[in-house]
PDB file of N, CA and C in Angstrom:
ATOM      1  N   MET A   1       3.109 -18.453  31.993  1.00  0.00           N
ATOM      2  CA  MET A   1       3.248 -17.402  32.776  1.00  0.00           C
ATOM      3  C   MET A   1       1.945 -17.123  33.544  1.00  0.00           C
ATOM      4  N   SER A   2       2.066 -16.912  34.812  1.00  0.00           N
ATOM      5  CA  SER A   2       1.094 -16.658  35.681  1.00  0.00           C
ATOM      6  C   SER A   2       0.445 -15.409  35.326  1.00  0.00           C
ATOM      7  N   ILE A   3      -0.873 -15.177  35.918  1.00  0.00           N
ATOM      8  CA  ILE A   3      -1.585 -14.010  35.594  1.00  0.00           C
ATOM      9  C   ILE A   3      -0.901 -12.913  36.364  1.00  0.00           C
ATOM     10  N   LEU A   4      -0.312 -13.098  37.382  1.00  0.00           N
ATOM     11  CA  LEU A   4       0.322 -12.034  38.205  1.00  0.00           C
ATOM     12  C   LEU A   4       1.544 -11.457  37.497  1.00  0.00           C
ATOM     13  N   ALA A   5       2.344 -12.472  37.024  1.00  0.00           N
ATOM     14  CA  ALA A   5       3.401 -12.161  36.071  1.00  0.00           C
ATOM     15  C   ALA A   5       2.882 -11.343  34.830  1.00  0.00           C
ATOM     16  N   THR A   6       2.037 -11.712  34.420  1.00  0.00           N
ATOM     17  CA  THR A   6       1.385 -11.122  33.086  1.00  0.00           C
ATOM     18  C   THR A   6       1.082  -9.511  33.524  1.00  0.00           C
ATOM     19  N   TYR A   7       0.406  -9.490  34.610  1.00  0.00           N
ATOM     20  CA  TYR A   7      -0.088  -8.247  35.160  1.00  0.00           C
ATOM     21  C   TYR A   7       1.144  -7.213  35.466  1.00  0.00           C
ATOM     22  N   LEU A   8       2.127  -7.843  36.013  1.00  0.00           N
ATOM     23  CA  LEU A   8       3.231  -6.946  36.495  1.00  0.00           C
ATOM     24  C   LEU A   8       3.943  -6.574  35.027  1.00  0.00           C
ATOM     25  N   GLN A   9       4.072  -7.441  34.142  1.00  0.00           N
ATOM     26  CA  GLN A   9       4.688  -7.034  32.884  1.00  0.00           C
ATOM     27  C   GLN A   9       3.988  -6.067  32.204  1.00  0.00           C
ATOM     28  N   LYS A  10       2.759  -6.054  31.979  1.00  0.00           N
ATOM     29  CA  LYS A  10       1.858  -4.895  31.332  1.00  0.00           C
ATOM     30  C   LYS A  10       1.883  -3.777  32.174  1.00  0.00           C
ATOM     31  N   GLU A  11       1.890  -3.822  33.419  1.00  0.00           N
ATOM     32  CA  GLU A  11       2.093  -2.688  34.299  1.00  0.00           C
ATOM     33  C   GLU A  11       3.542  -1.830  33.942  1.00  0.00           C
ATOM     34  N   GLN A  12       4.520  -2.722  33.829  1.00  0.00           N
ATOM     35  CA  GLN A  12       5.767  -1.978  33.409  1.00  0.00           C
ATOM     36  C   GLN A  12       5.816  -1.421  32.102  1.00  0.00           C
ATOM     37  N   GLN A  13       5.143  -2.132  31.073  1.00  0.00           N
ATOM     38  CA  GLN A  13       5.006  -1.622  29.745  1.00  0.00           C
ATOM     39  C   GLN A  13       4.124  -0.423  29.828  1.00  0.00           C
ATOM     40  N   LEU A  14       3.236  -0.279  30.559  1.00  0.00           N
ATOM     41  CA  LEU A  14       2.381   0.948  30.646  1.00  0.00           C
ATOM     42  C   LEU A  14       3.156   1.974  31.185  1.00  0.00           C
ATOM     43  N   LYS A  15       4.016   1.824  32.365  1.00  0.00           N
ATOM     44  CA  LYS A  15       4.757   2.860  32.709  1.00  0.00           C
ATOM     45  C   LYS A  15       5.883   3.359  31.727  1.00  0.00           C
ATOM     46  N   GLN A  16       6.387   2.430  30.848  1.00  0.00           N
ATOM     47  CA  GLN A  16       7.480   2.825  29.888  1.00  0.00           C
ATOM     48  C   GLN A  16       6.735   3.705  28.721  1.00  0.00           C
ATOM     49  N   LEU A  17       5.470   3.322  28.470  1.00  0.00           N
ATOM     50  CA  LEU A  17       4.726   4.117  27.553  1.00  0.00           C
ATOM     51  C   LEU A  17       4.301   5.508  27.982  1.00  0.00           C
ATOM     52  N   GLN A  18       3.924   5.478  29.296  1.00  0.00           N
ATOM     53  CA  GLN A  18       3.664   6.810  29.807  1.00  0.00           C
ATOM     54  C   GLN A  18       4.779   7.652  29.863  1.00  0.00           C
ATOM     55  N   ASP A  19       5.964   7.082  30.089  1.00  0.00           N
ATOM     56  CA  ASP A  19       7.251   8.001  30.192  1.00  0.00           C
ATOM     57  C   ASP A  19       7.531   8.527  28.727  1.00  0.00           C
ATOM     58  N   LYS A  20       7.296   7.765  27.866  1.00  0.00           N
ATOM     59  CA  LYS A  20       7.575   8.043  26.351  1.00  0.00           C
ATOM     60  C   LYS A  20       6.568   9.231  26.025  1.00  0.00           C
ATOM     61  N   LEU A  21       5.352   9.028  26.583  1.00  0.00           N
ATOM     62  CA  LEU A  21       4.317   9.944  26.242  1.00  0.00           C
ATOM     63  C   LEU A  21       4.648  11.377  26.781  1.00  0.00           C
ATOM     64  N   GLU A  22       5.235  11.407  27.982  1.00  0.00           N
ATOM     65  CA  GLU A  22       5.493  12.570  28.657  1.00  0.00           C
ATOM     66  C   GLU A  22       6.580  13.274  28.037  1.00  0.00           C
ATOM     67  N   GLN A  23       7.563  12.444  27.473  1.00  0.00           N
ATOM     68  CA  GLN A  23       8.747  13.043  26.696  1.00  0.00           C
ATOM     69  C   GLN A  23       8.185  13.601  25.432  1.00  0.00           C
ATOM     70  N   LEU A  24       7.202  13.120  24.749  1.00  0.00           N
ATOM     71  CA  LEU A  24       6.531  13.716  23.605  1.00  0.00           C
ATOM     72  C   LEU A  24       5.865  14.920  23.855  1.00  0.00           C
ATOM     73  N   LYS A  25       5.082  14.998  24.992  1.00  0.00           N
ATOM     74  CA  LYS A  25       4.359  16.233  25.357  1.00  0.00           C
ATOM     75  C   LYS A  25       5.244  17.330  25.650  1.00  0.00           C
ATOM     76  N   ASN A  26       6.478  17.100  25.997  1.00  0.00           N
ATOM     77  CA  ASN A  26       7.565  18.117  26.373  1.00  0.00           C
ATOM     78  C   ASN A  26       8.276  18.594  25.106  1.00  0.00           C
ATOM     79  N   ASP A  27       8.108  17.842  23.955  1.00  0.00           N
ATOM     80  CA  ASP A  27       8.834  18.041  22.723  1.00  0.00           C
ATOM     81  C   ASP A  27       8.342  19.302  21.985  1.00  0.00           C
ATOM     82  N   ASP A  28       9.240  20.239  21.822  1.00  0.00           N
ATOM     83  CA  ASP A  28       8.617  21.630  21.110  1.00  0.00           C
ATOM     84  C   ASP A  28       8.295  21.342  19.739  1.00  0.00           C
ATOM     85  N   ARG A  29       8.797  20.417  19.057  1.00  0.00           N
ATOM     86  CA  ARG A  29       8.235  20.070  17.596  1.00  0.00           C
ATOM     87  C   ARG A  29       6.895  19.578  17.630  1.00  0.00           C
ATOM     88  N   LEU A  30       6.526  18.783  18.610  1.00  0.00           N
ATOM     89  CA  LEU A  30       5.117  18.253  18.698  1.00  0.00           C
ATOM     90  C   LEU A  30       4.287  19.405  19.012  1.00  0.00           C
ATOM     91  N   LYS A  31       4.705  20.301  19.989  1.00  0.00           N
ATOM     92  CA  LYS A  31       3.861  21.464  20.202  1.00  0.00           C
ATOM     93  C   LYS A  31       3.596  22.399  19.102  1.00  0.00           C
ATOM     94  N   ALA A  32       4.624  22.564  18.294  1.00  0.00           N
ATOM     95  CA  ALA A  32       4.530  23.290  17.085  1.00  0.00           C
ATOM     96  C   ALA A  32       3.547  22.669  16.011  1.00  0.00           C
ATOM     97  N   GLU A  33       3.525  21.379  15.897  1.00  0.00           N
ATOM     98  CA  GLU A  33       2.821  20.664  15.065  1.00  0.00           C
ATOM     99  C   GLU A  33       1.293  20.701  15.454  1.00  0.00           C
ATOM    100  N   LEU A  34       1.058  20.540  16.822  1.00  0.00           N
ATOM    101  CA  LEU A  34      -0.257  20.560  17.409  1.00  0.00           C
ATOM    102  C   LEU A  34      -0.911  21.834  17.210  1.00  0.00           C
ATOM    103  N   GLU A  35      -0.090  23.020  17.349  1.00  0.00           N
ATOM    104  CA  GLU A  35      -0.679  24.280  17.271  1.00  0.00           C
ATOM    105  C   GLU A  35      -0.988  24.489  15.676  1.00  0.00           C
ATOM    106  N   PHE A  36      -0.303  24.082  14.900  1.00  0.00           N
ATOM    107  CA  PHE A  36      -0.464  24.400  13.422  1.00  0.00           C
ATOM    108  C   PHE A  36      -1.845  23.495  13.026  1.00  0.00           C
ATOM    109  N   LYS A  37      -1.985  22.395  13.456  1.00  0.00           N
ATOM    110  CA  LYS A  37      -3.014  21.440  13.288  1.00  0.00           C
ATOM    111  C   LYS A  37      -4.231  22.142  13.743  1.00  0.00           C
ATOM    112  N   GLU A  38      -4.308  22.873  14.995  1.00  0.00           N
ATOM    113  CA  GLU A  38      -5.345  23.332  15.581  1.00  0.00           C
ATOM    114  C   GLU A  38      -5.728  24.626  14.882  1.00  0.00           C
ATOM    115  N   LYS A  39      -4.794  25.379  14.419  1.00  0.00           N
ATOM    116  CA  LYS A  39      -4.942  26.516  13.512  1.00  0.00           C
ATOM    117  C   LYS A  39      -5.720  26.247  12.073  1.00  0.00           C
ATOM    118  N   LEU A  40      -5.069  25.284  11.640  1.00  0.00           N
ATOM    119  CA  LEU A  40      -5.627  24.749  10.298  1.00  0.00           C
ATOM    120  C   LEU A  40      -6.925  24.450  10.342  1.00  0.00           C
ATOM    121  N   GLU A  41      -7.225  23.551  11.412  1.00  0.00           N
ATOM    122  CA  GLU A  41      -8.705  23.090  11.554  1.00  0.00           C
ATOM    123  C   GLU A  41      -9.617  24.353  11.750  1.00  0.00           C
ATOM    124  N   ALA A  42      -9.220  25.376  12.563  1.00  0.00           N
ATOM    125  CA  ALA A  42      -9.983  26.344  12.817  1.00  0.00           C
ATOM    126  C   ALA A  42     -10.276  27.146  11.489  1.00  0.00           C
ATOM    127  N   LEU A  43      -9.229  27.432  10.578  1.00  0.00           N
ATOM    128  CA  LEU A  43      -9.365  28.048   9.348  1.00  0.00           C
ATOM    129  C   LEU A  43     -10.211  27.253   8.484  1.00  0.00           C
ATOM    130  N   MET A  44     -10.158  25.895   8.596  1.00  0.00           N
ATOM    131  CA  MET A  44     -10.918  25.100   7.654  1.00  0.00           C
ATOM    132  C   MET A  44     -12.427  25.346   7.963  1.00  0.00           C
ATOM    133  N   GLU A  45     -12.661  25.219   9.286  1.00  0.00           N
ATOM    134  CA  GLU A  45     -14.067  25.428   9.891  1.00  0.00           C
ATOM    135  C   GLU A  45     -14.661  26.792   9.534  1.00  0.00           C
ATOM    136  N   LYS A  46     -13.697  27.857   9.543  1.00  0.00           N
ATOM    137  CA  LYS A  46     -14.129  29.170   9.240  1.00  0.00           C
ATOM    138  C   LYS A  46     -14.534  29.340   7.841  1.00  0.00           C
ATOM    139  N   PHE A  47     -13.908  28.736   6.969  1.00  0.00           N
ATOM    140  CA  PHE A  47     -14.223  28.759   5.478  1.00  0.00           C
ATOM    141  C   PHE A  47     -15.096  27.579   4.842  1.00  0.00           C
ATOM    142  N   ASP A  48     -15.386  26.861   5.941  1.00  0.00           N
ATOM    143  CA  ASP A  48     -16.247  25.434   5.517  1.00  0.00           C
ATOM    144  C   ASP A  48     -15.589  24.594   4.481  1.00  0.00           C
ATOM    145  N   LYS A  49     -14.415  24.261   4.852  1.00  0.00           N
ATOM    146  CA  LYS A  49     -13.637  23.413   3.834  1.00  0.00           C
ATOM    147  C   LYS A  49     -13.202  22.129   4.524  1.00  0.00           C
ATOM    148  N   SER A  50     -13.180  21.084   3.784  1.00  0.00           N
ATOM    149  CA  SER A  50     -12.683  19.781   4.309  1.00  0.00           C
ATOM    150  C   SER A  50     -11.267  19.589   3.987  1.00  0.00           C
ATOM    151  N   ALA A  51     -10.622  18.525   4.536  1.00  0.00           N
ATOM    152  CA  ALA A  51      -9.207  18.222   4.255  1.00  0.00           C
ATOM    153  C   ALA A  51      -9.048  17.961   2.746  1.00  0.00           C
ATOM    154  N   VAL A  52     -10.057  17.306   2.029  1.00  0.00           N
ATOM    155  CA  VAL A  52      -9.881  17.030   0.602  1.00  0.00           C
ATOM    156  C   VAL A  52      -9.807  18.292  -0.027  1.00  0.00           C
ATOM    157  N   ASP A  53     -10.715  19.168   0.315  1.00  0.00           N
ATOM    158  CA  ASP A  53     -10.737  20.520  -0.344  1.00  0.00           C
ATOM    159  C   ASP A  53      -9.335  21.097  -0.272  1.00  0.00           C
ATOM    160  N   VAL A  54      -8.702  21.141   0.923  1.00  0.00           N
ATOM    161  CA  VAL A  54      -7.430  21.876   1.104  1.00  0.00           C
ATOM    162  C   VAL A  54      -6.302  21.093   0.252  1.00  0.00           C
ATOM    163  N   ILE A  55      -6.403  19.835   0.221  1.00  0.00           N
ATOM    164  CA  ILE A  55      -5.431  19.044  -0.573  1.00  0.00           C
ATOM    165  C   ILE A  55      -5.509  19.437  -2.108  1.00  0.00           C
ATOM    166  N   ARG A  56      -6.724  19.471  -2.474  1.00  0.00           N
ATOM    167  CA  ARG A  56      -7.105  19.775  -3.938  1.00  0.00           C
ATOM    168  C   ARG A  56      -6.645  21.127  -4.164  1.00  0.00           C
ATOM    169  N   LEU A  57      -6.770  22.063  -3.228  1.00  0.00           N
ATOM    170  CA  LEU A  57      -6.287  23.393  -3.543  1.00  0.00           C
ATOM    171  C   LEU A  57      -4.759  23.560  -3.531  1.00  0.00           C
ATOM    172  N   LEU A  58      -4.058  22.768  -2.730  1.00  0.00           N
ATOM    173  CA  LEU A  58      -2.682  22.912  -2.553  1.00  0.00           C
ATOM    174  C   LEU A  58      -1.923  22.052  -3.626  1.00  0.00           C
ATOM    175  N   ASN A  59      -2.482  21.042  -3.993  1.00  0.00           N
ATOM    176  CA  ASN A  59      -1.920  20.059  -4.968  1.00  0.00           C
ATOM    177  C   ASN A  59      -3.108  19.414  -5.690  1.00  0.00           C
ATOM    178  N   PRO A  60      -3.539  19.957  -6.769  1.00  0.00           N
ATOM    179  CA  PRO A  60      -4.691  19.324  -7.488  1.00  0.00           C
ATOM    180  C   PRO A  60      -4.450  18.021  -8.033  1.00  0.00           C
ATOM    181  N   LYS A  61      -3.225  17.626  -8.386  1.00  0.00           N
ATOM    182  CA  LYS A  61      -2.856  16.311  -8.976  1.00  0.00           C
ATOM    183  C   LYS A  61      -2.996  15.203  -8.043  1.00  0.00           C
ATOM    184  N   SER A  62      -2.750  15.557  -6.726  1.00  0.00           N
ATOM    185  CA  SER A  62      -2.725  14.280  -5.641  1.00  0.00           C
ATOM    186  C   SER A  62      -4.087  14.173  -5.104  1.00  0.00           C
ATOM    187  N   ALA A  63      -4.981  15.127  -5.193  1.00  0.00           N
ATOM    188  CA  ALA A  63      -6.284  14.987  -4.513  1.00  0.00           C
ATOM    189  C   ALA A  63      -7.298  14.270  -5.524  1.00  0.00           C
ATOM    190  N   PRO A  64      -8.046  13.349  -4.969  1.00  0.00           N
ATOM    191  CA  PRO A  64      -9.055  12.780  -5.665  1.00  0.00           C
ATOM    192  C   PRO A  64     -10.174  13.769  -6.080  1.00  0.00           C
ATOM    193  N   ALA A  65     -10.858  13.378  -7.351  1.00  0.00           N
ATOM    194  CA  ALA A  65     -11.872  14.261  -7.876  1.00  0.00           C
ATOM    195  C   ALA A  65     -12.892  14.319  -6.925  1.00  0.00           C
ATOM    196  N   ASN A  66     -13.330  13.099  -6.385  1.00  0.00           N
ATOM    197  CA  ASN A  66     -14.350  13.152  -5.367  1.00  0.00           C
ATOM    198  C   ASN A  66     -13.907  12.171  -4.234  1.00  0.00           C
ATOM    199  N   ALA A  67     -14.654  11.925  -3.323  1.00  0.00           N
ATOM    200  CA  ALA A  67     -14.339  11.117  -2.007  1.00  0.00           C
ATOM    201  C   ALA A  67     -14.360   9.810  -2.488  1.00  0.00           C
ATOM    202  N   SER A  68     -15.149   9.137  -3.368  1.00  0.00           N
ATOM    203  CA  SER A  68     -15.193   7.824  -3.725  1.00  0.00           C
ATOM    204  C   SER A  68     -13.975   7.537  -4.678  1.00  0.00           C
ATOM    205  N   SER A  69     -13.371   8.471  -5.314  1.00  0.00           N
ATOM    206  CA  SER A  69     -12.332   8.076  -6.187  1.00  0.00           C
ATOM    207  C   SER A  69     -11.038   7.626  -5.511  1.00  0.00           C
ATOM    208  N   SER A  70     -10.964   7.969  -4.181  1.00  0.00           N
ATOM    209  CA  SER A  70      -9.689   7.425  -3.492  1.00  0.00           C
ATOM    210  C   SER A  70      -9.649   5.974  -3.377  1.00  0.00           C
ATOM    211  N   THR A  71     -10.755   5.365  -3.713  1.00  0.00           N
ATOM    212  CA  THR A  71     -10.690   3.918  -3.604  1.00  0.00           C
ATOM    213  C   THR A  71     -10.473   3.227  -4.946  1.00  0.00           C
ATOM    214  N   LYS A  72     -10.337   4.052  -6.086  1.00  0.00           N
ATOM    215  CA  LYS A  72     -10.123   3.571  -7.317  1.00  0.00           C
ATOM    216  C   LYS A  72      -8.722   3.108  -7.412  1.00  0.00           C
ATOM    217  N   SER A  73      -8.373   2.328  -8.501  1.00  0.00           N
ATOM    218  CA  SER A  73      -7.109   1.858  -8.793  1.00  0.00           C
ATOM    219  C   SER A  73      -6.244   2.941  -9.192  1.00  0.00           C
ATOM    220  N   THR A  74      -4.981   2.653  -9.212  1.00  0.00           N
ATOM    221  CA  THR A  74      -3.975   3.799  -9.534  1.00  0.00           C
ATOM    222  C   THR A  74      -4.013   4.139 -11.020  1.00  0.00           C
ATOM    223  N   GLY A  75      -4.722   3.455 -11.591  1.00  0.00           N
ATOM    224  CA  GLY A  75      -4.851   3.912 -13.247  1.00  0.00           C
ATOM    225  C   GLY A  75      -3.831   3.126 -14.104  1.00  0.00           C
ATOM    226  N   ARG A  76      -3.131   2.056 -13.493  1.00  0.00           N
ATOM    227  CA  ARG A  76      -2.233   1.384 -14.291  1.00  0.00           C
ATOM    228  C   ARG A  76      -2.983   0.502 -15.183  1.00  0.00           C
ATOM    229  N   ALA A  77      -2.547   0.296 -16.410  1.00  0.00           N
ATOM    230  CA  ALA A  77      -3.192  -0.622 -17.266  1.00  0.00           C
ATOM    231  C   ALA A  77      -3.003  -1.912 -16.934  1.00  0.00           C
ATOM    232  N   LYS A  78      -4.076  -2.666 -17.139  1.00  0.00           N
ATOM    233  CA  LYS A  78      -4.054  -4.203 -16.837  1.00  0.00           C
ATOM    234  C   LYS A  78      -3.160  -4.911 -18.091  1.00  0.00           C
ATOM    235  N   ARG A  79      -2.258  -5.746 -17.383  1.00  0.00           N
ATOM    236  CA  ARG A  79      -1.298  -6.476 -18.178  1.00  0.00           C
ATOM    237  C   ARG A  79      -2.181  -7.343 -19.121  1.00  0.00           C
ATOM    238  N   LYS A  80      -1.358  -7.572 -20.383  1.00  0.00           N
ATOM    239  CA  LYS A  80      -2.180  -8.541 -21.423  1.00  0.00           C
ATOM    240  C   LYS A  80      -2.006  -9.916 -20.820  1.00  0.00           C
ATOM    241  N   LEU A  81      -3.094 -10.767 -21.075  1.00  0.00           N
ATOM    242  CA  LEU A  81      -3.017 -12.173 -20.688  1.00  0.00           C
ATOM    243  C   LEU A  81      -2.261 -12.872 -21.780  1.00  0.00           C
ATOM    244  N   LYS A  82      -1.180 -13.704 -21.323  1.00  0.00           N
ATOM    245  CA  LYS A  82      -0.380 -14.462 -22.344  1.00  0.00           C
ATOM    246  C   LYS A  82      -0.750 -15.848 -22.069  1.00  0.00           C
ATOM    247  N   ILE A  83      -0.955 -16.638 -23.173  1.00  0.00           N
ATOM    248  CA  ILE A  83      -1.162 -18.043 -23.030  1.00  0.00           C
ATOM    249  C   ILE A  83      -0.015 -18.847 -23.723  1.00  0.00           C
ATOM    250  N   PHE A  84       0.698 -19.647 -23.000  1.00  0.00           N
ATOM    251  CA  PHE A  84       1.800 -20.513 -23.399  1.00  0.00           C
ATOM    252  C   PHE A  84       1.365 -21.845 -23.365  1.00  0.00           C
ATOM    253  N   LYS A  85       1.823 -22.809 -24.306  1.00  0.00           N
ATOM    254  CA  LYS A  85       1.569 -24.092 -24.408  1.00  0.00           C
ATOM    255  C   LYS A  85       2.836 -24.828 -24.636  1.00  0.00           C
ATOM    256  N   ASN A  86       3.101 -25.803 -23.692  1.00  0.00           N
ATOM    257  CA  ASN A  86       4.330 -26.547 -23.720  1.00  0.00           C
ATOM    258  C   ASN A  86       4.108 -27.805 -24.762  1.00  0.00           C
ATOM    259  N   PRO A  87       4.941 -27.559 -25.719  1.00  0.00           N
ATOM    260  CA  PRO A  87       4.751 -28.617 -26.985  1.00  0.00           C
ATOM    261  C   PRO A  87       5.225 -29.985 -26.360  1.00  0.00           C
ATOM    262  N   ASN A  88       5.916 -30.061 -25.420  1.00  0.00           N
ATOM    263  CA  ASN A  88       6.375 -31.405 -25.016  1.00  0.00           C
ATOM    264  C   ASN A  88       5.395 -32.263 -24.226  1.00  0.00           C
ATOM    265  N   THR A  89       4.611 -31.405 -23.366  1.00  0.00           N
ATOM    266  CA  THR A  89       3.660 -32.070 -22.373  1.00  0.00           C
ATOM    267  C   THR A  89       2.176 -31.591 -22.813  1.00  0.00           C
ATOM    268  N   GLY A  90       1.977 -30.635 -23.634  1.00  0.00           N
ATOM    269  CA  GLY A  90       0.828 -30.147 -24.097  1.00  0.00           C
ATOM    270  C   GLY A  90       0.020 -29.316 -22.839  1.00  0.00           C
ATOM    271  N   GLU A  91       0.782 -29.072 -21.798  1.00  0.00           N
ATOM    272  CA  GLU A  91       0.245 -28.247 -20.661  1.00  0.00           C
ATOM    273  C   GLU A  91       0.181 -26.733 -21.129  1.00  0.00           C
ATOM    274  N   VAL A  92      -1.009 -26.126 -20.769  1.00  0.00           N
ATOM    275  CA  VAL A  92      -1.087 -24.820 -20.988  1.00  0.00           C
ATOM    276  C   VAL A  92      -1.120 -23.859 -19.771  1.00  0.00           C
ATOM    277  N   VAL A  93      -0.458 -22.767 -19.924  1.00  0.00           N
ATOM    278  CA  VAL A  93      -0.305 -21.808 -18.751  1.00  0.00           C
ATOM    279  C   VAL A  93      -0.816 -20.373 -19.244  1.00  0.00           C
ATOM    280  N   GLU A  94      -1.671 -19.825 -18.534  1.00  0.00           N
ATOM    281  CA  GLU A  94      -2.223 -18.494 -18.667  1.00  0.00           C
ATOM    282  C   GLU A  94      -1.686 -17.539 -17.606  1.00  0.00           C
ATOM    283  N   THR A  95      -1.189 -16.505 -17.967  1.00  0.00           N
ATOM    284  CA  THR A  95      -0.641 -15.667 -17.019  1.00  0.00           C
ATOM    285  C   THR A  95      -0.605 -14.048 -17.522  1.00  0.00           C
ATOM    286  N   ARG A  96      -0.704 -13.178 -16.523  1.00  0.00           N
ATOM    287  CA  ARG A  96      -0.574 -11.757 -16.925  1.00  0.00           C
ATOM    288  C   ARG A  96       0.890 -11.287 -16.370  1.00  0.00           C
ATOM    289  N   GLY A  97       1.561 -12.092 -15.879  1.00  0.00           N
ATOM    290  CA  GLY A  97       2.969 -11.644 -15.423  1.00  0.00           C
ATOM    291  C   GLY A  97       4.009 -12.859 -15.480  1.00  0.00           C
ATOM    292  N   GLY A  98       5.251 -12.474 -15.468  1.00  0.00           N
ATOM    293  CA  GLY A  98       6.212 -13.386 -15.610  1.00  0.00           C
ATOM    294  C   GLY A  98       6.499 -14.327 -14.408  1.00  0.00           C
ATOM    295  N   ASN A  99       5.916 -14.076 -13.249  1.00  0.00           N
ATOM    296  CA  ASN A  99       6.149 -14.846 -12.042  1.00  0.00           C
ATOM    297  C   ASN A  99       5.387 -15.811 -11.803  1.00  0.00           C
ATOM    298  N   GLN A 100       4.830 -16.437 -12.711  1.00  0.00           N
ATOM    299  CA  GLN A 100       4.023 -17.717 -12.631  1.00  0.00           C
ATOM    300  C   GLN A 100       4.846 -18.788 -12.374  1.00  0.00           C
ATOM    301  N   LYS A 101       4.359 -19.834 -11.462  1.00  0.00           N
ATOM    302  CA  LYS A 101       5.315 -20.783 -10.908  1.00  0.00           C
ATOM    303  C   LYS A 101       5.597 -21.876 -12.166  1.00  0.00           C
ATOM    304  N   THR A 102       4.686 -22.285 -12.761  1.00  0.00           N
ATOM    305  CA  THR A 102       4.955 -23.276 -13.818  1.00  0.00           C
ATOM    306  C   THR A 102       5.831 -22.604 -15.033  1.00  0.00           C
ATOM    307  N   LEU A 103       5.431 -21.398 -15.397  1.00  0.00           N
ATOM    308  CA  LEU A 103       6.125 -20.599 -16.234  1.00  0.00           C
ATOM    309  C   LEU A 103       7.705 -20.388 -16.022  1.00  0.00           C
ATOM    310  N   LYS A 104       7.958 -20.162 -14.677  1.00  0.00           N
ATOM    311  CA  LYS A 104       9.353 -20.017 -14.262  1.00  0.00           C
ATOM    312  C   LYS A 104      10.050 -21.305 -14.252  1.00  0.00           C
ATOM    313  N   ALA A 105       9.367 -22.373 -13.949  1.00  0.00           N
ATOM    314  CA  ALA A 105       9.883 -23.665 -13.989  1.00  0.00           C
ATOM    315  C   ALA A 105      10.280 -24.090 -15.332  1.00  0.00           C
ATOM    316  N   TRP A 106       9.450 -23.788 -16.433  1.00  0.00           N
ATOM    317  CA  TRP A 106       9.691 -24.022 -17.791  1.00  0.00           C
ATOM    318  C   TRP A 106      10.970 -23.142 -18.190  1.00  0.00           C
ATOM    319  N   LYS A 107      11.057 -21.921 -17.753  1.00  0.00           N
ATOM    320  CA  LYS A 107      12.209 -21.216 -18.329  1.00  0.00           C
ATOM    321  C   LYS A 107      13.556 -21.487 -17.660  1.00  0.00           C
ATOM    322  N   ASP A 108      13.389 -22.077 -16.388  1.00  0.00           N
ATOM    323  CA  ASP A 108      14.588 -22.734 -15.714  1.00  0.00           C
ATOM    324  C   ASP A 108      14.960 -23.981 -16.531  1.00  0.00           C
ATOM    325  N   GLU A 109      14.059 -24.766 -16.891  1.00  0.00           N
ATOM    326  CA  GLU A 109      14.401 -25.979 -17.555  1.00  0.00           C
ATOM    327  C   GLU A 109      14.801 -25.916 -19.015  1.00  0.00           C
ATOM    328  N   HIS A 110      13.995 -24.973 -19.812  1.00  0.00           N
ATOM    329  CA  HIS A 110      14.212 -24.895 -21.186  1.00  0.00           C
ATOM    330  C   HIS A 110      14.851 -23.630 -21.683  1.00  0.00           C
ATOM    331  N   GLY A 111      14.941 -22.555 -20.793  1.00  0.00           N
ATOM    332  CA  GLY A 111      15.413 -21.441 -21.296  1.00  0.00           C
ATOM    333  C   GLY A 111      14.356 -20.330 -21.623  1.00  0.00           C
ATOM    334  N   ALA A 112      14.570 -19.018 -21.099  1.00  0.00           N
ATOM    335  CA  ALA A 112      13.489 -18.032 -21.372  1.00  0.00           C
ATOM    336  C   ALA A 112      13.117 -17.973 -22.874  1.00  0.00           C
ATOM    337  N   GLU A 113      14.001 -17.961 -23.685  1.00  0.00           N
ATOM    338  CA  GLU A 113      13.867 -17.714 -25.210  1.00  0.00           C
ATOM    339  C   GLU A 113      12.949 -18.769 -25.739  1.00  0.00           C
ATOM    340  N   THR A 114      13.177 -20.050 -25.429  1.00  0.00           N
ATOM    341  CA  THR A 114      12.609 -21.177 -25.758  1.00  0.00           C
ATOM    342  C   THR A 114      11.064 -21.056 -25.300  1.00  0.00           C
ATOM    343  N   VAL A 115      11.013 -20.806 -24.100  1.00  0.00           N
ATOM    344  CA  VAL A 115       9.485 -20.710 -23.502  1.00  0.00           C
ATOM    345  C   VAL A 115       8.768 -19.554 -24.162  1.00  0.00           C
ATOM    346  N   GLU A 116       9.318 -18.434 -24.552  1.00  0.00           N
ATOM    347  CA  GLU A 116       8.777 -17.314 -25.022  1.00  0.00           C
ATOM    348  C   GLU A 116       8.255 -17.712 -26.478  1.00  0.00           C
ATOM    349  N   SER A 117       8.975 -18.633 -27.133  1.00  0.00           N
ATOM    350  CA  SER A 117       8.486 -19.152 -28.393  1.00  0.00           C
ATOM    351  C   SER A 117       7.197 -19.982 -28.301  1.00  0.00           C
ATOM    352  N   TRP A 118       6.998 -20.576 -27.070  1.00  0.00           N
ATOM    353  CA  TRP A 118       5.748 -21.170 -26.910  1.00  0.00           C
ATOM    354  C   TRP A 118       4.520 -20.457 -26.778  1.00  0.00           C
ATOM    355  N   LEU A 119       4.642 -19.094 -26.807  1.00  0.00           N
ATOM    356  CA  LEU A 119       3.393 -18.130 -26.621  1.00  0.00           C
ATOM    357  C   LEU A 119       2.477 -18.433 -27.816  1.00  0.00           C
ATOM    358  N   VAL A 120       1.204 -18.801 -27.368  1.00  0.00           N
ATOM    359  CA  VAL A 120       0.126 -19.227 -28.330  1.00  0.00           C
ATOM    360  C   VAL A 120      -0.578 -17.908 -28.862  1.00  0.00           C
ATOM    361  N   ARG A 121      -0.846 -17.110 -27.774  1.00  0.00           N
ATOM    362  CA  ARG A 121      -1.556 -15.720 -28.092  1.00  0.00           C
ATOM    363  C   ARG A 121      -1.607 -14.883 -26.974  1.00  0.00           C
ATOM    364  N   GLU A 122      -1.818 -13.498 -27.177  1.00  0.00           N
ATOM    365  CA  GLU A 122      -1.983 -12.537 -26.173  1.00  0.00           C
ATOM    366  C   GLU A 122      -3.313 -11.988 -26.191  1.00  0.00           C
ATOM    367  N   GLU A 123      -3.973 -11.790 -25.069  1.00  0.00           N
ATOM    368  CA  GLU A 123      -5.331 -11.064 -25.159  1.00  0.00           C
ATOM    369  C   GLU A 123      -5.220  -9.890 -24.339  1.00  0.00           C
ATOM    370  N   ALA A 124      -6.059  -8.861 -24.474  1.00  0.00           N
ATOM    371  CA  ALA A 124      -5.999  -7.623 -23.928  1.00  0.00           C
ATOM    372  C   ALA A 124      -6.612  -7.818 -22.445  1.00  0.00           C
TER     373      ALA A 124
END
């Protein structure tokens, strides 16, 4: 594609986006949400509160205890490490879930019940 064709295509896309933006600007729902946002921000500034403070106030369970806790894990417990040993080949598989490729192949070949009997040990 020539640079002129690319330019004309991008120009057309820009015009379409501008038309969509203009439609949104005239949407009463957008106007109401923008007004709410402005009023909320003004109120937060008046009382020296952050978005996290407001969320914590409205729904204490969903707000992080502090700003750094939002990067923490969801609190789900780590799965136990299961170690399987194939008695036919001596091959060992260590996995924390049932979606491990070799383990799935063994289950397809020998059956899930048989493979589960090959469990050597579980670790926390």
